C-alpha atoms as a PDB file:
ATOM      1  CA  MET A   1     117.332  83.020 134.056  1.00  0.00           C
ATOM      2  CA  ARG A   2     115.480  86.055 133.302  1.00  0.00           C
ATOM      3  CA  LEU A   3     118.588  87.918 132.303  1.00  0.00           C
ATOM      4  CA  ASN A   4     119.395  85.301 129.847  1.00  0.00           C
ATOM      5  CA  ASN A   5     116.168  85.440 128.205  1.00  0.00           C
ATOM      6  CA  THR A   6     116.336  89.135 127.769  1.00  0.00           C
ATOM      7  CA  ASN A   7     119.794  88.904 126.254  1.00  0.00           C
ATOM      8  CA  LEU A   8     118.623  86.421 123.942  1.00  0.00           C
ATOM      9  CA  LEU A   9     115.567  88.600 122.848  1.00  0.00           C
ATOM     10  CA  LEU A  10     118.083  91.524 122.360  1.00  0.00           C
ATOM     11  CA  VAL A  11     120.141  89.388 120.165  1.00  0.00           C
ATOM     12  CA  LEU A  12     117.314  87.885 118.258  1.00  0.00           C
ATOM     13  CA  ALA A  13     115.963  91.585 117.657  1.00  0.00           C
ATOM     14  CA  SER A  14     119.376  93.128 116.868  1.00  0.00           C
ATOM     15  CA  SER A  15     119.813  90.186 114.141  1.00  0.00           C
ATOM     16  CA  LEU A  16     116.461  90.904 112.530  1.00  0.00           C
ATOM     17  CA  PHE A  17     116.831  94.383 112.504  1.00  0.00           C
ATOM     18  CA  ILE A  18     120.414  94.086 110.763  1.00  0.00           C
ATOM     19  CA  ALA A  19     118.661  91.537 108.268  1.00  0.00           C
ATOM     20  CA  ALA A  20     115.868  93.901 107.505  1.00  0.00           C
ATOM     21  CA  CYS A  21     118.313  96.717 106.698  1.00  0.00           C
ATOM     22  CA  SER A  22     120.413  94.762 104.472  1.00  0.00           C
ATOM     23  CA  THR A  23     117.944  94.135 101.464  1.00  0.00           C
ATOM     24  CA  PRO A  24     119.552  94.783  98.173  1.00  0.00           C
ATOM     25  CA  GLU A  25     118.599  97.735  96.169  1.00  0.00           C
ATOM     26  CA  LYS A  26     116.184  96.793  93.094  1.00  0.00           C
ATOM     27  CA  PRO A  27     117.531  97.598  89.721  1.00  0.00           C
ATOM     28  CA  THR A  28     116.036 100.569  87.614  1.00  0.00           C
ATOM     29  CA  GLU A  29     114.551  99.237  84.711  1.00  0.00           C
ATOM     30  CA  GLU A  30     114.024 101.079  81.166  1.00  0.00           C
ATOM     31  CA  PRO A  31     110.474 100.658  79.580  1.00  0.00           C
ATOM     32  CA  PRO A  32     109.710  99.520  76.231  1.00  0.00           C
ATOM     33  CA  ALA A  33     110.427 102.096  73.502  1.00  0.00           C
ATOM     34  CA  THR A  34     106.976 102.352  72.162  1.00  0.00           C
ATOM     35  CA  GLU A  35     103.382 102.181  73.113  1.00  0.00           C
ATOM     36  CA  ALA A  36     102.607  99.225  70.516  1.00  0.00           C
ATOM     37  CA  GLU A  37     105.400  97.357  72.442  1.00  0.00           C
ATOM     38  CA  ALA A  38     104.178  98.110  75.755  1.00  0.00           C
ATOM     39  CA  GLY A  39     101.619  95.384  76.073  1.00  0.00           C
ATOM     40  CA  VAL A  40     103.897  92.363  75.388  1.00  0.00           C
ATOM     41  CA  SER A  41     107.430  93.671  75.357  1.00  0.00           C
ATOM     42  CA  VAL A  42     110.340  93.123  77.859  1.00  0.00           C
ATOM     43  CA  ASP A  43     113.131  95.090  78.908  1.00  0.00           C
ATOM     44  CA  ASP A  44     116.584  94.453  77.805  1.00  0.00           C
ATOM     45  CA  GLN A  45     119.015  94.949  80.764  1.00  0.00           C
ATOM     46  CA  SER A  46     122.755  95.131  80.171  1.00  0.00           C
ATOM     47  CA  ALA A  47     125.115  92.921  82.253  1.00  0.00           C
ATOM     48  CA  ASP A  48     126.673  96.199  83.488  1.00  0.00           C
ATOM     49  CA  THR A  49     123.391  96.997  84.999  1.00  0.00           C
ATOM     50  CA  ALA A  50     122.694  93.827  86.839  1.00  0.00           C
ATOM     51  CA  THR A  51     126.003  93.574  88.354  1.00  0.00           C
ATOM     52  CA  THR A  52     126.096  97.126  89.636  1.00  0.00           C
ATOM     53  CA  THR A  53     122.831  97.004  91.030  1.00  0.00           C
ATOM     54  CA  GLY A  54     123.410  94.215  93.558  1.00  0.00           C
ATOM     55  CA  ILE A  55     121.798  91.296  91.874  1.00  0.00           C
ATOM     56  CA  GLY A  56     123.142  88.115  93.194  1.00  0.00           C
ATOM     57  CA  THR A  57     122.036  84.675  93.856  1.00  0.00           C
ATOM     58  CA  SER A  58     119.589  84.188  96.552  1.00  0.00           C
ATOM     59  CA  GLY A  59     121.221  83.097  99.800  1.00  0.00           C
ATOM     60  CA  SER A  60     124.693  84.228  98.688  1.00  0.00           C
ATOM     61  CA  GLU A  61     124.444  88.078  99.079  1.00  0.00           C
ATOM     62  CA  GLY A  62     128.101  88.707  98.115  1.00  0.00           C
ATOM     63  CA  THR A  63     128.239  86.394  95.136  1.00  0.00           C
ATOM     64  CA  ASP A  64     128.191  88.222  91.763  1.00  0.00           C
ATOM     65  CA  LEU A  65     126.915  86.718  88.728  1.00  0.00           C
ATOM     66  CA  GLN A  66     129.973  86.235  86.888  1.00  0.00           C
ATOM     67  CA  GLY A  67     131.541  83.718  84.255  1.00  0.00           C
ATOM     68  CA  GLU A  68     129.472  82.042  81.614  1.00  0.00           C
ATOM     69  CA  GLN A  69     126.361  81.331  84.029  1.00  0.00           C
ATOM     70  CA  GLY A  70     126.291  84.988  85.018  1.00  0.00           C
ATOM     71  CA  ASP A  71     126.585  86.259  81.586  1.00  0.00           C
ATOM     72  CA  ALA A  72     123.370  84.252  80.637  1.00  0.00           C
ATOM     73  CA  VAL A  73     121.682  85.362  83.756  1.00  0.00           C
ATOM     74  CA  THR A  74     122.384  89.068  82.996  1.00  0.00           C
ATOM     75  CA  SER A  75     121.676  89.035  79.408  1.00  0.00           C
ATOM     76  CA  ILE A  76     117.909  87.718  80.007  1.00  0.00           C
ATOM     77  CA  PRO A  77     115.505  90.539  80.569  1.00  0.00           C
ATOM     78  CA  ARG A  78     114.406  91.038  83.926  1.00  0.00           C
ATOM     79  CA  VAL A  79     111.030  92.861  83.491  1.00  0.00           C
ATOM     80  CA  VAL A  80     108.061  91.596  81.676  1.00  0.00           C
ATOM     81  CA  TYR A  81     105.173  93.633  80.424  1.00  0.00           C
ATOM     82  CA  PHE A  82     101.446  93.085  80.358  1.00  0.00           C
ATOM     83  CA  GLN A  83      98.320  94.476  78.364  1.00  0.00           C
ATOM     84  CA  TYR A  84      95.856  96.744  80.273  1.00  0.00           C
ATOM     85  CA  ASP A  85      94.002  94.936  83.075  1.00  0.00           C
ATOM     86  CA  SER A  86      95.521  91.397  82.043  1.00  0.00           C
ATOM     87  CA  SER A  87      97.895  88.923  83.281  1.00  0.00           C
ATOM     88  CA  ASP A  88      98.101  86.899  80.268  1.00  0.00           C
ATOM     89  CA  LEU A  89     101.583  86.041  79.225  1.00  0.00           C
ATOM     90  CA  SER A  90     102.590  86.784  75.448  1.00  0.00           C
ATOM     91  CA  GLN A  91     104.573  84.387  73.540  1.00  0.00           C
ATOM     92  CA  GLU A  92     107.710  86.823  73.887  1.00  0.00           C
ATOM     93  CA  VAL A  93     107.172  86.919  77.733  1.00  0.00           C
ATOM     94  CA  GLN A  94     106.968  83.075  77.848  1.00  0.00           C
ATOM     95  CA  SER A  95     110.239  82.762  76.032  1.00  0.00           C
ATOM     96  CA  ILE A  96     111.801  84.991  78.487  1.00  0.00           C
ATOM     97  CA  ILE A  97     110.531  83.012  81.426  1.00  0.00           C
ATOM     98  CA  ALA A  98     111.787  79.675  79.797  1.00  0.00           C
ATOM     99  CA  ALA A  99     115.061  81.267  79.648  1.00  0.00           C
ATOM    100  CA  HIS A 100     114.893  82.119  83.239  1.00  0.00           C
ATOM    101  CA  ALA A 101     113.731  78.585  84.038  1.00  0.00           C
ATOM    102  CA  VAL A 102     116.816  77.080  82.262  1.00  0.00           C
ATOM    103  CA  ILE A 103     119.102  79.146  84.338  1.00  0.00           C
ATOM    104  CA  LEU A 104     117.292  78.038  87.556  1.00  0.00           C
ATOM    105  CA  ASN A 105     117.188  74.548  86.710  1.00  0.00           C
ATOM    106  CA  GLN A 106     121.141  74.697  86.411  1.00  0.00           C
ATOM    107  CA  ASN A 107     121.399  76.471  89.694  1.00  0.00           C
ATOM    108  CA  GLN A 108     119.229  74.384  91.940  1.00  0.00           C
ATOM    109  CA  ASN A 109     120.234  76.403  95.096  1.00  0.00           C
ATOM    110  CA  TRP A 110     119.162  79.959  93.435  1.00  0.00           C
ATOM    111  CA  ASN A 111     115.605  81.298  94.262  1.00  0.00           C
ATOM    112  CA  ILE A 112     113.724  83.938  92.499  1.00  0.00           C
ATOM    113  CA  VAL A 113     111.258  86.749  93.775  1.00  0.00           C
ATOM    114  CA  LEU A 114     108.629  87.830  91.323  1.00  0.00           C
ATOM    115  CA  GLU A 115     107.192  91.397  92.001  1.00  0.00           C
ATOM    116  CA  GLY A 116     103.945  92.219  90.277  1.00  0.00           C
ATOM    117  CA  HIS A 117     102.952  95.795  89.661  1.00  0.00           C
ATOM    118  CA  ALA A 118      99.918  97.685  88.101  1.00  0.00           C
ATOM    119  CA  ASP A 119      99.236 101.066  86.823  1.00  0.00           C
ATOM    120  CA  GLU A 120      97.391 103.557  88.712  1.00  0.00           C
ATOM    121  CA  ARG A 121      94.041 102.918  87.391  1.00  0.00           C
ATOM    122  CA  GLY A 122      91.747 101.042  89.576  1.00  0.00           C
ATOM    123  CA  THR A 123      91.281 100.697  93.155  1.00  0.00           C
ATOM    124  CA  ARG A 124      94.084  99.910  95.491  1.00  0.00           C
ATOM    125  CA  GLU A 125      92.804  96.687  96.315  1.00  0.00           C
ATOM    126  CA  TYR A 126      92.198  95.656  92.687  1.00  0.00           C
ATOM    127  CA  ASN A 127      95.713  96.735  91.515  1.00  0.00           C
ATOM    128  CA  LEU A 128      97.171  94.576  94.329  1.00  0.00           C
ATOM    129  CA  ALA A 129      95.088  91.641  93.259  1.00  0.00           C
ATOM    130  CA  LEU A 130      96.226  92.422  89.639  1.00  0.00           C
ATOM    131  CA  GLY A 131      99.866  92.603  90.747  1.00  0.00           C
ATOM    132  CA  GLN A 132      99.574  89.315  92.206  1.00  0.00           C
ATOM    133  CA  GLU A 133      97.829  87.734  89.305  1.00  0.00           C
ATOM    134  CA  ARG A 134     100.542  88.702  87.248  1.00  0.00           C
ATOM    135  CA  ALA A 135     103.329  87.398  89.530  1.00  0.00           C
ATOM    136  CA  GLN A 136     101.393  84.116  89.766  1.00  0.00           C
ATOM    137  CA  ALA A 137     101.166  83.720  85.916  1.00  0.00           C
ATOM    138  CA  VAL A 138     104.884  84.092  85.840  1.00  0.00           C
ATOM    139  CA  ALA A 139     105.389  81.521  88.838  1.00  0.00           C
ATOM    140  CA  ASP A 140     102.735  79.060  86.946  1.00  0.00           C
ATOM    141  CA  LEU A 141     104.753  79.101  83.978  1.00  0.00           C
ATOM    142  CA  LEU A 142     108.099  78.577  85.999  1.00  0.00           C
ATOM    143  CA  GLN A 143     106.633  75.572  87.777  1.00  0.00           C
ATOM    144  CA  ILE A 144     105.811  74.084  84.319  1.00  0.00           C
ATOM    145  CA  TYR A 145     109.529  74.143  83.498  1.00  0.00           C
ATOM    146  CA  ASN A 146     110.267  72.094  86.801  1.00  0.00           C
ATOM    147  CA  ILE A 147     111.000  74.989  89.063  1.00  0.00           C
ATOM    148  CA  ASN A 148     109.746  74.155  92.567  1.00  0.00           C
ATOM    149  CA  LEU A 149     107.311  76.624  94.070  1.00  0.00           C
ATOM    150  CA  ASP A 150     109.533  76.661  97.199  1.00  0.00           C
ATOM    151  CA  ARG A 151     112.154  78.395  95.278  1.00  0.00           C
ATOM    152  CA  ILE A 152     109.729  81.245  93.960  1.00  0.00           C
ATOM    153  CA  GLN A 153     108.613  84.261  96.218  1.00  0.00           C
ATOM    154  CA  GLN A 154     105.783  86.308  94.809  1.00  0.00           C
ATOM    155  CA  VAL A 155     104.985  89.977  96.090  1.00  0.00           C
ATOM    156  CA  SER A 156     102.346  92.429  94.709  1.00  0.00           C
ATOM    157  CA  TYR A 157     103.059  95.952  94.912  1.00  0.00           C
ATOM    158  CA  GLY A 158     100.020  96.836  92.914  1.00  0.00           C
ATOM    159  CA  GLU A 159     100.267 100.731  91.875  1.00  0.00           C
ATOM    160  CA  GLU A 160     102.425 101.374  94.938  1.00  0.00           C
ATOM    161  CA  GLU A 161     105.868 101.302  93.166  1.00  0.00           C
ATOM    162  CA  PRO A 162     105.274 102.814  89.804  1.00  0.00           C
ATOM    163  CA  ALA A 163     108.229 102.695  87.365  1.00  0.00           C
ATOM    164  CA  ALA A 164     106.903 105.961  85.910  1.00  0.00           C
ATOM    165  CA  LEU A 165     105.147 108.735  87.689  1.00  0.00           C
ATOM    166  CA  GLU A 166     102.921 110.336  84.846  1.00  0.00           C
ATOM    167  CA  SER A 167      99.464 109.585  84.290  1.00  0.00           C
ATOM    168  CA  ASN A 168      99.454 108.650  80.428  1.00  0.00           C
ATOM    169  CA  GLU A 169      99.263 105.661  78.279  1.00  0.00           C
ATOM    170  CA  GLU A 170     103.163 105.498  78.141  1.00  0.00           C
ATOM    171  CA  ALA A 171     103.772 105.889  81.753  1.00  0.00           C
ATOM    172  CA  TRP A 172     100.767 103.130  82.560  1.00  0.00           C
ATOM    173  CA  ALA A 173     102.415 100.735  80.097  1.00  0.00           C
ATOM    174  CA  LYS A 174     105.802 100.876  82.067  1.00  0.00           C
ATOM    175  CA  ASN A 175     103.767 100.373  85.205  1.00  0.00           C
ATOM    176  CA  ARG A 176     102.059  96.935  84.103  1.00  0.00           C
ATOM    177  CA  ARG A 177     104.918  94.869  84.863  1.00  0.00           C
ATOM    178  CA  VAL A 178     106.425  91.748  86.646  1.00  0.00           C
ATOM    179  CA  GLU A 179     110.101  92.279  87.683  1.00  0.00           C
ATOM    180  CA  ILE A 180     112.135  88.972  88.119  1.00  0.00           C
ATOM    181  CA  LEU A 181     114.946  89.015  90.805  1.00  0.00           C
ATOM    182  CA  TYR A 182     117.433  86.518  91.746  1.00  0.00           C
END
């Protein structure tokens, strides 16, 4: 009996290791063009970028977003930006989230990951909390559009995964964001 338990543990550990190693790459995003746009603007990502970076439907890793539905998904911006020290959603950001909600309502088996980020100013703990608040703000709006919270995963990276490494207003604006991943 002990040998069978050991074998079972080895199989489970191997499965978990393989699953952990198969995480898809995150797409790289281009930031807003100007500082004036940075607080409330969004990133326009091309369909080519979305399909080459491995974005697929949750639960179906090998599925490409192709056809009419895939074109709609890849044409919606995947990154929304925030004002300094804020998790408030601008009208433009709300429109983008509404577009994601339409796609999610049409594809009930798809899940979404919201990655909250902050710039380097503030303590690590504060920035983790702010990244969480930003992801939560997006999740709250998705729930208003009838997206079940069970389909939404929220992760805060705080300042830990900056989009830009410089220490200036332009870089900070690029780092105050939520990335929306399918």
